[in-house]
Amino acid sequence: MKQPTDSRVPPPWARPGNRWGPWVYWPMLCLSVGLLVWRVINGNGSGRILVAAGLILVWVCLLAANRAARRRRE
């Protein structure tokens, strides 16, 4: 019978430093930049512009954390 896995241990694809991370993070960062540019050009409210800028910050932080985790592992 299989032993139950520890719920605190993430699966291999979700661990920090995963090589699949950039394949998700870069396209999402590009989409977020496009969203920010679109909202600035259309003159949307500052709240919507700040949300798009916040998304960019999230994806940049995820890329940086993933790269740092990969360097630590090497």
N, C-alpha and C. Protein backbone atom coordinates (compact mmCIF):
# COMPACT_ATOMS: atom_id res chain seq x y z
N MET A 1 0.84 -1.17 0.00
CA MET A 1 0.00 0.00 0.00
C MET A 1 0.89 1.24 0.00
N LYS A 2 0.46 2.28 -0.73
CA LYS A 2 1.23 3.51 -0.81
C LYS A 2 1.15 4.30 0.48
N GLN A 3 2.28 4.87 0.85
CA GLN A 3 2.31 5.75 2.02
C GLN A 3 1.74 7.11 1.61
N PRO A 4 0.97 7.73 2.49
CA PRO A 4 0.46 9.07 2.15
C PRO A 4 1.63 10.06 2.08
N THR A 5 1.54 10.95 1.12
CA THR A 5 2.60 11.94 0.97
C THR A 5 2.38 13.08 1.96
N ASP A 6 3.48 13.69 2.33
CA ASP A 6 3.42 14.85 3.23
C ASP A 6 2.88 16.03 2.44
N SER A 7 1.82 16.66 2.90
CA SER A 7 1.19 17.75 2.16
C SER A 7 2.05 19.00 2.13
N ARG A 8 3.06 19.08 3.00
CA ARG A 8 3.93 20.25 3.01
C ARG A 8 5.03 20.18 1.96
N VAL A 9 5.28 19.03 1.39
CA VAL A 9 6.30 18.87 0.36
C VAL A 9 5.64 19.07 -1.00
N PRO A 10 6.06 20.12 -1.73
CA PRO A 10 5.42 20.36 -3.02
C PRO A 10 5.86 19.33 -4.06
N PRO A 11 5.03 19.10 -5.07
CA PRO A 11 5.42 18.18 -6.14
C PRO A 11 6.61 18.77 -6.91
N PRO A 12 7.34 17.94 -7.66
CA PRO A 12 8.54 18.43 -8.35
C PRO A 12 8.29 19.62 -9.27
N TRP A 13 7.15 19.65 -9.94
CA TRP A 13 6.90 20.74 -10.88
C TRP A 13 6.60 22.06 -10.18
N ALA A 14 6.31 22.04 -8.89
CA ALA A 14 5.96 23.27 -8.17
C ALA A 14 7.07 23.74 -7.23
N ARG A 15 8.18 23.04 -7.19
CA ARG A 15 9.27 23.42 -6.29
C ARG A 15 9.98 24.67 -6.80
N PRO A 16 10.51 25.49 -5.89
CA PRO A 16 11.28 26.66 -6.32
C PRO A 16 12.49 26.24 -7.15
N GLY A 17 12.77 26.99 -8.18
CA GLY A 17 13.89 26.69 -9.04
C GLY A 17 13.55 25.73 -10.16
N ASN A 18 12.30 25.42 -10.30
CA ASN A 18 11.85 24.51 -11.34
C ASN A 18 12.17 25.10 -12.71
N ARG A 19 12.58 24.25 -13.64
CA ARG A 19 12.92 24.73 -14.98
C ARG A 19 11.68 25.09 -15.80
N TRP A 20 10.50 24.65 -15.40
CA TRP A 20 9.28 24.99 -16.12
C TRP A 20 8.75 26.35 -15.76
N GLY A 21 9.21 26.92 -14.66
CA GLY A 21 8.72 28.22 -14.22
C GLY A 21 8.83 29.31 -15.27
N PRO A 22 10.03 29.51 -15.85
CA PRO A 22 10.15 30.58 -16.85
C PRO A 22 9.24 30.40 -18.06
N TRP A 23 8.90 29.16 -18.38
CA TRP A 23 8.00 28.94 -19.52
C TRP A 23 6.61 29.48 -19.23
N VAL A 24 6.28 29.66 -17.98
CA VAL A 24 4.99 30.22 -17.59
C VAL A 24 5.15 31.70 -17.25
N TYR A 25 6.22 32.04 -16.54
CA TYR A 25 6.38 33.40 -16.03
C TYR A 25 6.63 34.43 -17.14
N TRP A 26 7.48 34.12 -18.11
CA TRP A 26 7.77 35.09 -19.16
C TRP A 26 6.55 35.45 -20.00
N PRO A 27 5.78 34.47 -20.50
CA PRO A 27 4.58 34.86 -21.27
C PRO A 27 3.58 35.66 -20.43
N MET A 28 3.43 35.29 -19.15
CA MET A 28 2.50 36.04 -18.31
C MET A 28 3.01 37.46 -18.05
N LEU A 29 4.33 37.60 -17.93
CA LEU A 29 4.91 38.94 -17.77
C LEU A 29 4.66 39.78 -19.01
N CYS A 30 4.84 39.19 -20.18
CA CYS A 30 4.58 39.92 -21.44
C CYS A 30 3.11 40.31 -21.56
N LEU A 31 2.21 39.40 -21.20
CA LEU A 31 0.79 39.74 -21.23
C LEU A 31 0.46 40.87 -20.25
N SER A 32 1.07 40.85 -19.10
CA SER A 32 0.82 41.89 -18.10
C SER A 32 1.34 43.24 -18.57
N VAL A 33 2.50 43.25 -19.23
CA VAL A 33 3.02 44.50 -19.78
C VAL A 33 2.08 45.02 -20.86
N GLY A 34 1.61 44.12 -21.72
CA GLY A 34 0.65 44.53 -22.75
C GLY A 34 -0.62 45.09 -22.14
N LEU A 35 -1.10 44.47 -21.07
CA LEU A 35 -2.29 44.97 -20.38
C LEU A 35 -2.05 46.36 -19.80
N LEU A 36 -0.88 46.55 -19.21
CA LEU A 36 -0.55 47.87 -18.66
C LEU A 36 -0.51 48.93 -19.75
N VAL A 37 0.14 48.62 -20.86
CA VAL A 37 0.22 49.58 -21.97
C VAL A 37 -1.17 49.90 -22.50
N TRP A 38 -1.99 48.87 -22.65
CA TRP A 38 -3.35 49.07 -23.15
C TRP A 38 -4.15 49.96 -22.22
N ARG A 39 -4.03 49.72 -20.92
CA ARG A 39 -4.79 50.53 -19.96
C ARG A 39 -4.29 51.97 -19.90
N VAL A 40 -2.99 52.17 -20.07
CA VAL A 40 -2.46 53.54 -20.07
C VAL A 40 -2.91 54.28 -21.33
N ILE A 41 -2.86 53.61 -22.47
CA ILE A 41 -3.27 54.24 -23.73
C ILE A 41 -4.76 54.59 -23.71
N ASN A 42 -5.58 53.71 -23.18
CA ASN A 42 -7.02 53.96 -23.12
C ASN A 42 -7.40 54.96 -22.04
N GLY A 43 -6.47 55.30 -21.18
CA GLY A 43 -6.75 56.27 -20.13
C GLY A 43 -7.68 55.73 -19.06
N ASN A 44 -7.55 54.43 -18.76
CA ASN A 44 -8.36 53.84 -17.70
C ASN A 44 -7.98 54.46 -16.36
N GLY A 45 -8.81 54.24 -15.37
CA GLY A 45 -8.57 54.80 -14.05
C GLY A 45 -7.26 54.33 -13.44
N SER A 46 -6.77 55.09 -12.50
CA SER A 46 -5.48 54.77 -11.89
C SER A 46 -5.53 53.43 -11.15
N GLY A 47 -6.69 53.05 -10.65
CA GLY A 47 -6.82 51.76 -9.96
C GLY A 47 -6.53 50.59 -10.90
N ARG A 48 -7.07 50.65 -12.10
CA ARG A 48 -6.84 49.57 -13.07
C ARG A 48 -5.39 49.54 -13.52
N ILE A 49 -4.78 50.72 -13.66
CA ILE A 49 -3.37 50.79 -14.05
C ILE A 49 -2.49 50.21 -12.94
N LEU A 50 -2.83 50.50 -11.70
CA LEU A 50 -2.05 49.96 -10.58
C LEU A 50 -2.19 48.44 -10.47
N VAL A 51 -3.34 47.91 -10.80
CA VAL A 51 -3.51 46.46 -10.78
C VAL A 51 -2.61 45.81 -11.83
N ALA A 52 -2.56 46.37 -13.03
CA ALA A 52 -1.69 45.84 -14.08
C ALA A 52 -0.22 45.97 -13.67
N ALA A 53 0.15 47.08 -13.06
CA ALA A 53 1.53 47.25 -12.58
C ALA A 53 1.84 46.25 -11.47
N GLY A 54 0.87 45.97 -10.62
CA GLY A 54 1.06 44.97 -9.57
C GLY A 54 1.28 43.57 -10.15
N LEU A 55 0.57 43.24 -11.21
CA LEU A 55 0.77 41.95 -11.88
C LEU A 55 2.19 41.83 -12.42
N ILE A 56 2.68 42.91 -12.99
CA ILE A 56 4.06 42.91 -13.50
C ILE A 56 5.02 42.66 -12.36
N LEU A 57 4.80 43.32 -11.24
CA LEU A 57 5.67 43.13 -10.07
C LEU A 57 5.65 41.68 -9.59
N VAL A 58 4.48 41.06 -9.58
CA VAL A 58 4.37 39.66 -9.15
C VAL A 58 5.18 38.76 -10.06
N TRP A 59 5.05 38.89 -11.38
CA TRP A 59 5.76 38.01 -12.30
C TRP A 59 7.27 38.25 -12.26
N VAL A 60 7.69 39.50 -12.09
CA VAL A 60 9.13 39.78 -11.97
C VAL A 60 9.68 39.15 -10.70
N CYS A 61 8.95 39.25 -9.60
CA CYS A 61 9.40 38.63 -8.34
C CYS A 61 9.47 37.11 -8.47
N LEU A 62 8.51 36.50 -9.14
CA LEU A 62 8.54 35.05 -9.34
C LEU A 62 9.72 34.62 -10.20
N LEU A 63 10.02 35.39 -11.24
CA LEU A 63 11.18 35.08 -12.07
C LEU A 63 12.48 35.19 -11.27
N ALA A 64 12.60 36.25 -10.48
CA ALA A 64 13.81 36.44 -9.67
C ALA A 64 13.95 35.33 -8.62
N ALA A 65 12.87 34.97 -7.98
CA ALA A 65 12.92 33.91 -6.96
C ALA A 65 13.27 32.56 -7.58
N ASN A 66 12.72 32.29 -8.76
CA ASN A 66 13.02 31.03 -9.43
C ASN A 66 14.50 30.96 -9.81
N ARG A 67 15.04 32.06 -10.32
CA ARG A 67 16.45 32.08 -10.72
C ARG A 67 17.36 31.93 -9.50
N ALA A 68 17.01 32.60 -8.40
CA ALA A 68 17.81 32.49 -7.19
C ALA A 68 17.78 31.07 -6.63
N ALA A 69 16.64 30.42 -6.67
CA ALA A 69 16.53 29.05 -6.18
C ALA A 69 17.33 28.09 -7.04
N ARG A 70 17.34 28.32 -8.34
CA ARG A 70 18.13 27.45 -9.22
C ARG A 70 19.63 27.64 -8.97
N ARG A 71 20.06 28.86 -8.72
CA ARG A 71 21.48 29.11 -8.44
C ARG A 71 21.88 28.48 -7.12
N ARG A 72 21.00 28.52 -6.12
CA ARG A 72 21.31 27.90 -4.83
C ARG A 72 21.44 26.39 -4.96
N ARG A 73 20.64 25.80 -5.83
CA ARG A 73 20.67 24.35 -6.00
C ARG A 73 21.92 23.87 -6.71
N GLU A 74 22.49 24.72 -7.56
CA GLU A 74 23.67 24.33 -8.34
C GLU A 74 24.93 24.39 -7.56
